[in-house]
Amino acid sequence: MFRNFKFLVIFITTFFGILSLNIHVYAQNQDEQDQSAEQKDEASPYAGPKVSGSILYQLQADHIMSSNQRKDVKGTNGFVYIEPNIGLHFDQNWSIKTQWRIQDNTTLTTRDKNNPERYRTFFNSERGFNVSDTGLLIEELKLFYENEDMKFTLGKFDPTFGSAHRKSKRIGVFASQITEDYNLREKIGGSITALLEGGQLSFSTFFSDATDLSRSAINDRKKEVRNNGLAGNTGSLSSYSLQYEGEDFAGVENWFYNLGYRSLGVDLQGRKRETGYVFGTEYLHKVSSLTSLIPFAELVRIENFGGENKRVGNYYTFAMIAKYSGWTASSSLIVRNIKRPHTNLANLKKSSNDRQLQFSIGYKFTDNLTVDVSRALIREDGFSGGVFGGNINYLYKF
């Protein structure tokens, strides 16, 4: 199995490396042609189309060091995650943007029937190196417009709600794999963002993707079932989100914050409209030219979570991040509390209190290459354990 995993890593990395090189060469050729065109016609400020983007390569592995988990749970888990972001730019304003994901469908976005928002379950029976479960999915496929005052998106996209799930935060290895629960992903609709002085305000309206774009290639995760009662899966623009992201709060330089609201419609009788609120804040304290401290917090409350009547989800994220030159160290605590008072199923608890306490250290070798390792104490679905893990990230830009 490990040999197959190693082979897949080499194969995928080589394949996308060649693809990136071809795209890069194509882009260079386009640039040369564009430069020639500009020399012939200086009145034209932009010559397109142009291709640009990035590809994130991530290799992650973790091991359960001690736990009270079920006997069928394997100690070691590993997977490859690759995220190409490619844009075709027609001019300075208009473009078509795509995001693809190559991932282990048994580790990430498992479409848990009992917890449909769950991005990753750490103590599950499918841990291991599951090469055959690697899938290629389309995360975003959208028409995009941008000028100095606004942004506009139409198509399949990820609406904005919260920020703790963003990989750029680098809060250890495991943090974003819990906070990704409340990220709004794979929706069809549109959004508009006003670029204001000191911040930006975004409004999105959408429904969950239940088309063939919700499938995955290589390993087919199957198409999302349309109108299955989950919040947002209505086939109509009955769901929306609103978020403001600002800086220099109360006039304090480098104090960033975000406020958000979401309302997701339902179609089936007995289900209820989901509503959610998020507040996040972080402060960049520069100790010296090479050293900085970043306290971070994000609070989320979602009512009728997933469309289930009176099911409530609360997420609390607290972190302290220290940076010195290329080094990053952090400690974080994430609490996830789910209450579902109306369940009559024996395998579902009416209340679950999950927690992740994590200590991490990482190093940035270049702007494109980082390594992080984490030691986490995780409590999940009544099980608890100590987990040690690491990942290697390489970002290729073209």
Protein backbone atom coordinates (compact mmCIF):
# COMPACT_ATOMS: atom_id res chain seq x y z
CA MET A 1 0.00 0.00 0.00
CA PHE A 2 2.78 2.44 0.89
CA ARG A 3 4.53 1.71 -2.41
CA ASN A 4 1.31 2.54 -4.24
CA PHE A 5 0.97 5.72 -2.22
CA LYS A 6 4.54 6.71 -3.03
CA PHE A 7 3.95 5.97 -6.70
CA LEU A 8 0.79 8.11 -6.72
CA VAL A 9 2.62 11.01 -5.07
CA ILE A 10 5.38 10.85 -7.69
CA PHE A 11 2.89 10.43 -10.54
CA ILE A 12 0.60 13.29 -9.51
CA THR A 13 3.49 15.63 -8.72
CA THR A 14 5.15 14.89 -12.04
CA PHE A 15 1.90 15.22 -13.98
CA PHE A 16 0.99 18.61 -12.52
CA GLY A 17 4.60 19.76 -12.70
CA ILE A 18 4.58 19.09 -16.45
CA LEU A 19 1.13 20.69 -16.76
CA SER A 20 2.34 23.77 -14.86
CA LEU A 21 5.45 23.98 -17.03
CA ASN A 22 3.36 23.78 -20.19
CA ILE A 23 1.00 26.46 -18.91
CA HIS A 24 3.98 28.58 -17.89
CA VAL A 25 5.59 28.21 -21.32
CA TYR A 26 2.26 29.00 -22.94
CA ALA A 27 1.93 32.10 -20.78
CA GLN A 28 5.47 33.19 -21.69
CA ASN A 29 4.69 32.75 -25.37
CA GLN A 30 1.52 34.74 -24.88
CA ASP A 31 3.52 37.47 -23.13
CA GLU A 32 5.96 37.63 -26.03
CA GLN A 33 3.11 37.84 -28.50
CA ASP A 34 1.39 40.46 -26.37
CA GLN A 35 4.58 42.54 -26.19
CA SER A 36 4.86 42.43 -29.96
CA ALA A 37 1.22 43.44 -30.30
CA GLU A 38 1.74 46.32 -27.88
CA GLN A 39 4.70 47.55 -29.91
CA LYS A 40 2.48 47.55 -32.98
CA ASP A 41 -0.45 49.16 -31.24
CA GLU A 42 0.55 51.25 -28.23
CA ALA A 43 -3.02 52.49 -27.89
CA SER A 44 -4.07 49.09 -26.51
CA PRO A 45 -3.43 48.97 -22.72
CA TYR A 46 -3.95 45.19 -22.45
CA ALA A 47 -3.54 42.30 -24.84
CA GLY A 48 -5.11 38.98 -23.91
CA PRO A 49 -6.14 36.41 -23.16
CA LYS A 50 -3.52 35.44 -20.59
CA VAL A 51 -3.22 32.40 -18.36
CA SER A 52 -1.94 32.71 -14.78
CA GLY A 53 -2.40 31.02 -11.45
CA SER A 54 -0.84 28.78 -8.85
CA ILE A 55 -0.72 25.15 -7.74
CA LEU A 56 -0.50 24.17 -4.08
CA TYR A 57 1.11 20.80 -3.39
CA GLN A 58 0.62 19.41 0.11
CA LEU A 59 1.76 16.11 1.59
CA GLN A 60 0.39 15.39 5.07
CA ALA A 61 0.76 12.49 7.50
CA ASP A 62 -0.27 12.01 11.13
CA HIS A 63 -0.06 9.30 13.77
CA ILE A 64 -2.23 8.63 16.82
CA MET A 65 0.22 8.36 19.71
CA SER A 66 -2.27 7.45 22.44
CA SER A 67 -6.04 7.28 22.56
CA ASN A 68 -9.16 5.51 23.74
CA GLN A 69 -10.49 5.16 20.18
CA ARG A 70 -12.18 2.14 18.68
CA LYS A 71 -10.01 -0.88 17.89
CA ASP A 72 -10.74 -0.63 14.16
CA VAL A 73 -9.05 2.79 13.88
CA LYS A 74 -5.59 2.70 12.29
CA GLY A 75 -2.80 4.60 13.97
CA THR A 76 -1.25 6.20 10.89
CA ASN A 77 -2.91 8.32 8.23
CA GLY A 78 -1.55 10.13 5.20
CA PHE A 79 -2.78 11.81 2.05
CA VAL A 80 -1.85 14.06 -0.85
CA TYR A 81 -3.68 17.33 -1.42
CA ILE A 82 -3.15 19.34 -4.62
CA GLU A 83 -5.00 22.57 -5.37
CA PRO A 84 -4.57 24.16 -8.81
CA ASN A 85 -5.95 27.70 -9.17
CA ILE A 86 -5.95 28.71 -12.84
CA GLY A 87 -7.31 31.87 -14.39
CA LEU A 88 -7.90 32.83 -18.01
CA HIS A 89 -7.75 36.63 -18.17
CA PHE A 90 -9.40 38.34 -21.11
CA ASP A 91 -8.42 41.86 -20.10
CA GLN A 92 -7.65 43.82 -16.93
CA ASN A 93 -11.15 43.24 -15.58
CA TRP A 94 -12.71 40.06 -16.94
CA SER A 95 -11.52 36.49 -16.39
CA ILE A 96 -12.63 32.90 -15.89
CA LYS A 97 -11.22 31.40 -12.69
CA THR A 98 -11.11 27.76 -11.64
CA GLN A 99 -10.03 25.88 -8.56
CA TRP A 100 -9.46 22.12 -8.66
CA ARG A 101 -8.73 19.79 -5.76
CA ILE A 102 -7.03 16.42 -5.73
CA GLN A 103 -7.66 14.86 -2.34
CA ASP A 104 -8.39 11.68 -0.42
CA ASN A 105 -12.20 11.50 -0.39
CA THR A 106 -12.20 9.25 2.69
CA THR A 107 -10.20 11.77 4.74
CA LEU A 108 -11.59 15.12 3.56
CA THR A 109 -15.18 16.13 2.70
CA THR A 110 -16.58 12.71 3.56
CA ARG A 111 -20.25 13.82 3.33
CA ASP A 112 -20.97 12.37 6.74
CA LYS A 113 -24.68 11.48 6.92
CA ASN A 114 -24.94 12.27 10.63
CA ASN A 115 -22.77 15.41 10.49
CA PRO A 116 -23.10 16.71 6.90
CA GLU A 117 -20.92 19.75 7.59
CA ARG A 118 -18.00 17.64 8.86
CA TYR A 119 -14.83 18.26 6.82
CA ARG A 120 -12.66 15.67 8.53
CA THR A 121 -13.24 13.01 11.17
CA PHE A 122 -9.87 12.27 12.80
CA PHE A 123 -10.78 9.00 14.57
CA ASN A 124 -12.54 7.10 11.82
CA SER A 125 -12.19 3.52 10.61
CA GLU A 126 -10.88 4.55 7.17
CA ARG A 127 -7.57 6.00 8.33
CA GLY A 128 -4.50 4.90 6.38
CA PHE A 129 -3.00 5.57 2.96
CA ASN A 130 -6.11 5.20 0.80
CA VAL A 131 -4.67 5.75 -2.67
CA SER A 132 -7.69 4.33 -4.46
CA ASP A 133 -9.94 6.92 -2.81
CA THR A 134 -8.10 9.92 -4.26
CA GLY A 135 -10.45 12.07 -6.32
CA LEU A 136 -10.26 15.11 -8.57
CA LEU A 137 -13.05 17.62 -8.00
CA ILE A 138 -13.99 21.04 -9.30
CA GLU A 139 -14.21 23.40 -6.34
CA GLU A 140 -14.81 26.59 -8.34
CA LEU A 141 -15.64 27.45 -11.95
CA LYS A 142 -16.67 31.06 -12.22
CA LEU A 143 -16.82 34.20 -14.32
CA PHE A 144 -14.97 36.96 -12.46
CA TYR A 145 -14.92 40.74 -12.84
CA GLU A 146 -12.82 43.19 -10.84
CA ASN A 147 -12.02 46.88 -10.91
CA GLU A 148 -10.76 49.33 -8.30
CA ASP A 149 -14.19 49.63 -6.67
CA MET A 150 -15.79 46.16 -6.76
CA LYS A 151 -15.58 42.44 -7.53
CA PHE A 152 -18.24 40.28 -9.15
CA THR A 153 -18.52 36.48 -9.38
CA LEU A 154 -20.97 34.25 -11.26
CA GLY A 155 -20.85 30.44 -11.41
CA LYS A 156 -19.69 27.74 -8.99
CA PHE A 157 -17.77 29.33 -6.12
CA ASP A 158 -17.07 29.36 -2.39
CA PRO A 159 -19.00 32.18 -0.65
CA THR A 160 -17.33 34.03 2.20
CA PHE A 161 -18.05 33.13 5.83
CA GLY A 162 -15.32 33.37 8.47
CA SER A 163 -11.56 33.21 8.01
CA ALA A 164 -10.10 30.62 10.44
CA HIS A 165 -10.36 27.93 7.76
CA ARG A 166 -7.97 29.75 5.40
CA LYS A 167 -4.72 27.86 4.91
CA SER A 168 -2.77 31.11 4.78
CA LYS A 169 -3.35 31.53 8.54
CA ARG A 170 -0.93 28.63 9.19
CA ILE A 171 -2.45 27.76 12.58
CA GLY A 172 -0.69 24.42 12.75
CA VAL A 173 -1.45 21.26 10.78
CA PHE A 174 -4.94 20.38 12.01
CA ALA A 175 -6.78 23.62 12.89
CA SER A 176 -8.32 24.36 9.49
CA GLN A 177 -9.59 20.78 9.24
CA ILE A 178 -12.12 21.59 11.98
CA THR A 179 -12.94 25.21 11.13
CA GLU A 180 -13.53 24.13 7.52
CA ASP A 181 -16.83 22.71 8.86
CA TYR A 182 -18.55 26.08 8.64
CA ASN A 183 -16.91 27.28 5.45
CA LEU A 184 -19.44 27.70 2.64
CA ARG A 185 -18.20 25.57 -0.25
CA GLU A 186 -19.24 24.38 -3.70
CA LYS A 187 -22.21 26.68 -4.26
CA ILE A 188 -23.79 27.88 -7.49
CA GLY A 189 -24.85 31.51 -7.73
CA GLY A 190 -23.23 34.90 -7.62
CA SER A 191 -21.52 37.38 -5.34
CA ILE A 192 -20.59 41.03 -5.34
CA THR A 193 -17.92 42.70 -3.20
CA ALA A 194 -17.58 46.42 -2.60
CA LEU A 195 -13.96 47.50 -2.06
CA LEU A 196 -14.20 50.20 0.57
CA GLU A 197 -11.61 52.33 2.29
CA GLY A 198 -10.32 50.17 5.13
CA GLY A 199 -12.29 47.04 4.26
CA GLN A 200 -14.57 45.14 1.90
CA LEU A 201 -18.23 44.14 2.05
CA SER A 202 -19.38 40.93 0.30
CA PHE A 203 -22.87 39.66 -0.50
CA SER A 204 -23.51 36.22 -2.02
CA THR A 205 -26.65 34.37 -3.06
CA PHE A 206 -26.50 30.70 -3.99
CA PHE A 207 -27.61 27.09 -3.68
CA SER A 208 -25.58 23.89 -3.20
CA ASP A 209 -24.12 22.27 -6.29
CA ALA A 210 -26.11 19.13 -7.11
CA THR A 211 -25.09 18.99 -10.78
CA ASP A 212 -22.51 16.70 -12.35
CA LEU A 213 -19.88 19.20 -11.20
CA SER A 214 -20.43 17.84 -7.66
CA ARG A 215 -18.95 14.49 -8.68
CA SER A 216 -15.23 13.74 -8.67
CA ALA A 217 -13.01 12.06 -11.24
CA ILE A 218 -10.61 9.15 -10.63
CA ASN A 219 -12.51 8.14 -7.49
CA ASP A 220 -16.16 9.13 -7.94
CA ARG A 221 -17.68 10.52 -4.75
CA LYS A 222 -21.07 10.49 -6.54
CA LYS A 223 -23.29 13.43 -7.35
CA GLU A 224 -24.84 15.39 -4.50
CA VAL A 225 -28.50 14.45 -4.03
CA ARG A 226 -30.74 17.34 -5.04
CA ASN A 227 -33.25 18.70 -2.49
CA ASN A 228 -32.18 16.25 0.20
CA GLY A 229 -33.26 18.55 3.02
CA LEU A 230 -29.82 19.94 3.79
CA ALA A 231 -29.66 23.69 4.27
CA GLY A 232 -28.76 25.43 1.01
CA ASN A 233 -29.62 22.48 -1.22
CA THR A 234 -32.79 23.90 -2.78
CA GLY A 235 -31.92 24.39 -6.44
CA SER A 236 -32.94 28.06 -6.19
CA LEU A 237 -31.26 31.26 -5.01
CA SER A 238 -32.90 31.08 -1.58
CA SER A 239 -29.66 31.19 0.43
CA TYR A 240 -27.33 34.11 1.02
CA SER A 241 -24.38 35.31 3.08
CA LEU A 242 -23.04 38.71 4.04
CA GLN A 243 -19.57 39.46 5.38
CA TYR A 244 -17.48 42.53 6.14
CA GLU A 245 -13.70 42.30 6.50
CA GLY A 246 -11.96 45.36 7.85
CA GLU A 247 -8.67 46.64 9.20
CA ASP A 248 -7.44 49.23 11.71
CA PHE A 249 -10.39 48.62 14.03
CA ALA A 250 -11.13 51.60 16.31
CA GLY A 251 -8.23 53.39 14.64
CA VAL A 252 -5.65 50.84 15.82
CA GLU A 253 -3.22 50.00 13.05
CA ASN A 254 -2.94 46.30 12.08
CA TRP A 255 -6.07 45.29 13.99
CA PHE A 256 -8.09 43.17 11.55
CA TYR A 257 -11.63 41.85 11.99
CA ASN A 258 -14.53 40.22 10.17
CA LEU A 259 -18.28 40.08 10.76
CA GLY A 260 -20.58 37.71 8.90
CA TYR A 261 -24.14 36.43 8.61
CA ARG A 262 -25.59 33.50 6.64
CA SER A 263 -29.11 32.30 5.91
CA LEU A 264 -29.58 29.01 4.06
CA GLY A 265 -32.96 27.91 2.74
CA VAL A 266 -34.53 24.42 2.90
CA ASP A 267 -37.15 22.68 0.76
CA LEU A 268 -38.41 19.67 2.70
CA GLN A 269 -41.22 19.83 5.22
CA GLY A 270 -40.05 19.61 8.82
CA ARG A 271 -36.68 21.21 8.05
CA LYS A 272 -35.80 24.74 9.14
CA ARG A 273 -33.85 27.61 7.56
CA GLU A 274 -30.30 27.73 8.85
CA THR A 275 -28.90 31.00 10.19
CA GLY A 276 -25.34 31.69 11.31
CA TYR A 277 -23.15 34.43 12.72
CA VAL A 278 -19.37 34.85 12.79
CA PHE A 279 -17.03 37.33 14.42
CA GLY A 280 -13.27 37.14 14.03
CA THR A 281 -10.38 39.33 15.01
CA GLU A 282 -6.58 39.30 14.90
CA TYR A 283 -3.90 41.82 15.73
CA LEU A 284 -0.45 42.02 14.17
CA HIS A 285 1.96 43.20 16.85
CA LYS A 286 5.39 43.91 15.39
CA VAL A 287 8.03 43.37 18.06
CA SER A 288 10.87 44.07 15.63
CA SER A 289 11.55 43.99 11.91
CA LEU A 290 11.85 40.17 12.07
CA THR A 291 9.57 39.32 15.00
CA SER A 292 5.81 39.57 15.37
CA LEU A 293 3.00 38.22 17.58
CA ILE A 294 -0.51 37.59 16.29
CA PRO A 295 -3.36 36.84 18.71
CA PHE A 296 -6.32 35.42 16.80
CA ALA A 297 -9.92 34.57 17.72
CA GLU A 298 -13.04 33.58 15.81
CA LEU A 299 -16.50 32.79 17.22
CA VAL A 300 -19.27 31.12 15.21
CA ARG A 301 -22.85 30.21 16.07
CA ILE A 302 -25.14 28.41 13.61
CA GLU A 303 -28.81 27.69 14.38
CA ASN A 304 -30.83 24.93 12.69
CA PHE A 305 -27.43 23.67 11.59
CA GLY A 306 -27.68 21.77 8.32
CA GLY A 307 -31.42 22.48 8.21
CA GLU A 308 -32.17 20.28 11.23
CA ASN A 309 -34.70 21.92 13.56
CA LYS A 310 -33.07 23.38 16.70
CA ARG A 311 -29.70 21.75 15.98
CA VAL A 312 -27.09 24.31 17.08
CA GLY A 313 -23.40 24.46 16.27
CA ASN A 314 -20.91 26.61 18.19
CA TYR A 315 -17.26 26.95 17.18
CA TYR A 316 -14.66 28.85 19.18
CA THR A 317 -11.11 29.31 17.87
CA PHE A 318 -8.33 30.93 19.88
CA ALA A 319 -4.70 31.06 18.76
CA MET A 320 -1.43 32.80 19.45
CA ILE A 321 1.02 32.87 16.57
CA ALA A 322 4.65 33.96 16.91
CA LYS A 323 6.88 34.63 13.91
CA TYR A 324 10.62 35.19 13.77
CA SER A 325 12.34 35.43 10.42
CA GLY A 326 11.29 32.22 8.62
CA TRP A 327 10.09 30.48 11.80
CA THR A 328 6.48 30.20 12.98
CA ALA A 329 5.29 28.80 16.32
CA SER A 330 1.69 28.67 17.49
CA SER A 331 -0.65 27.33 20.12
CA SER A 332 -4.37 27.03 19.47
CA LEU A 333 -7.58 25.82 21.05
CA ILE A 334 -10.67 25.00 19.03
CA VAL A 335 -13.95 24.01 20.66
CA ARG A 336 -16.84 22.53 18.67
CA ASN A 337 -20.17 22.08 20.44
CA ILE A 338 -23.12 20.51 18.58
CA LYS A 339 -26.57 20.24 20.18
CA ARG A 340 -29.41 18.30 18.52
CA PRO A 341 -32.29 17.99 21.04
CA HIS A 342 -34.74 16.21 18.71
CA THR A 343 -32.70 13.17 17.71
CA ASN A 344 -34.15 9.74 18.52
CA LEU A 345 -31.33 7.76 16.94
CA ALA A 346 -29.32 5.60 19.35
CA ASN A 347 -26.00 6.33 17.60
CA LEU A 348 -26.41 10.11 17.81
CA LYS A 349 -25.85 12.01 21.03
CA LYS A 350 -28.01 15.00 21.81
CA SER A 351 -24.89 16.98 22.64
CA SER A 352 -21.26 16.59 21.61
CA ASN A 353 -18.32 18.61 22.84
CA ASP A 354 -15.24 18.27 20.67
CA ARG A 355 -11.92 19.97 21.33
CA GLN A 356 -8.55 20.37 19.69
CA LEU A 357 -5.58 21.71 21.65
CA GLN A 358 -2.59 22.09 19.34
CA PHE A 359 1.06 23.16 19.56
CA SER A 360 2.93 23.75 16.32
CA ILE A 361 6.20 24.88 14.83
CA GLY A 362 7.05 25.51 11.21
CA TYR A 363 9.65 26.99 8.92
CA LYS A 364 9.37 28.89 5.64
CA PHE A 365 12.34 27.97 3.46
CA THR A 366 11.21 30.26 0.65
CA ASP A 367 8.03 32.18 -0.12
CA ASN A 368 6.79 29.00 -1.82
CA LEU A 369 8.01 26.19 0.48
CA THR A 370 6.93 25.61 4.10
CA VAL A 371 7.07 22.74 6.59
CA ASP A 372 4.89 22.47 9.71
CA VAL A 373 4.67 19.90 12.51
CA SER A 374 2.02 19.76 15.24
CA ARG A 375 1.21 17.89 18.43
CA ALA A 376 -2.51 17.92 19.16
CA LEU A 377 -4.79 16.62 21.87
CA ILE A 378 -8.11 15.87 20.16
CA ARG A 379 -11.47 14.94 21.62
CA GLU A 380 -14.02 13.92 19.00
CA ASP A 381 -17.35 12.09 19.17
CA GLY A 382 -16.61 10.71 22.62
CA PHE A 383 -13.10 9.54 21.71
CA SER A 384 -9.86 11.30 22.61
CA GLY A 385 -6.21 10.93 21.75
CA GLY A 386 -2.87 12.56 21.15
CA VAL A 387 -1.98 13.03 17.50
CA PHE A 388 1.37 14.01 15.99
CA GLY A 389 1.45 15.19 12.38
CA GLY A 390 3.24 17.23 9.79
CA ASN A 391 2.86 18.60 6.30
CA ILE A 392 5.02 19.92 3.50
CA ASN A 393 3.58 22.67 1.32
CA TYR A 394 4.90 23.93 -1.98
CA LEU A 395 3.19 26.72 -3.92
CA TYR A 396 4.05 27.03 -7.60
CA LYS A 397 3.05 30.27 -9.29
CA PHE A 398 2.91 30.95 -13.01
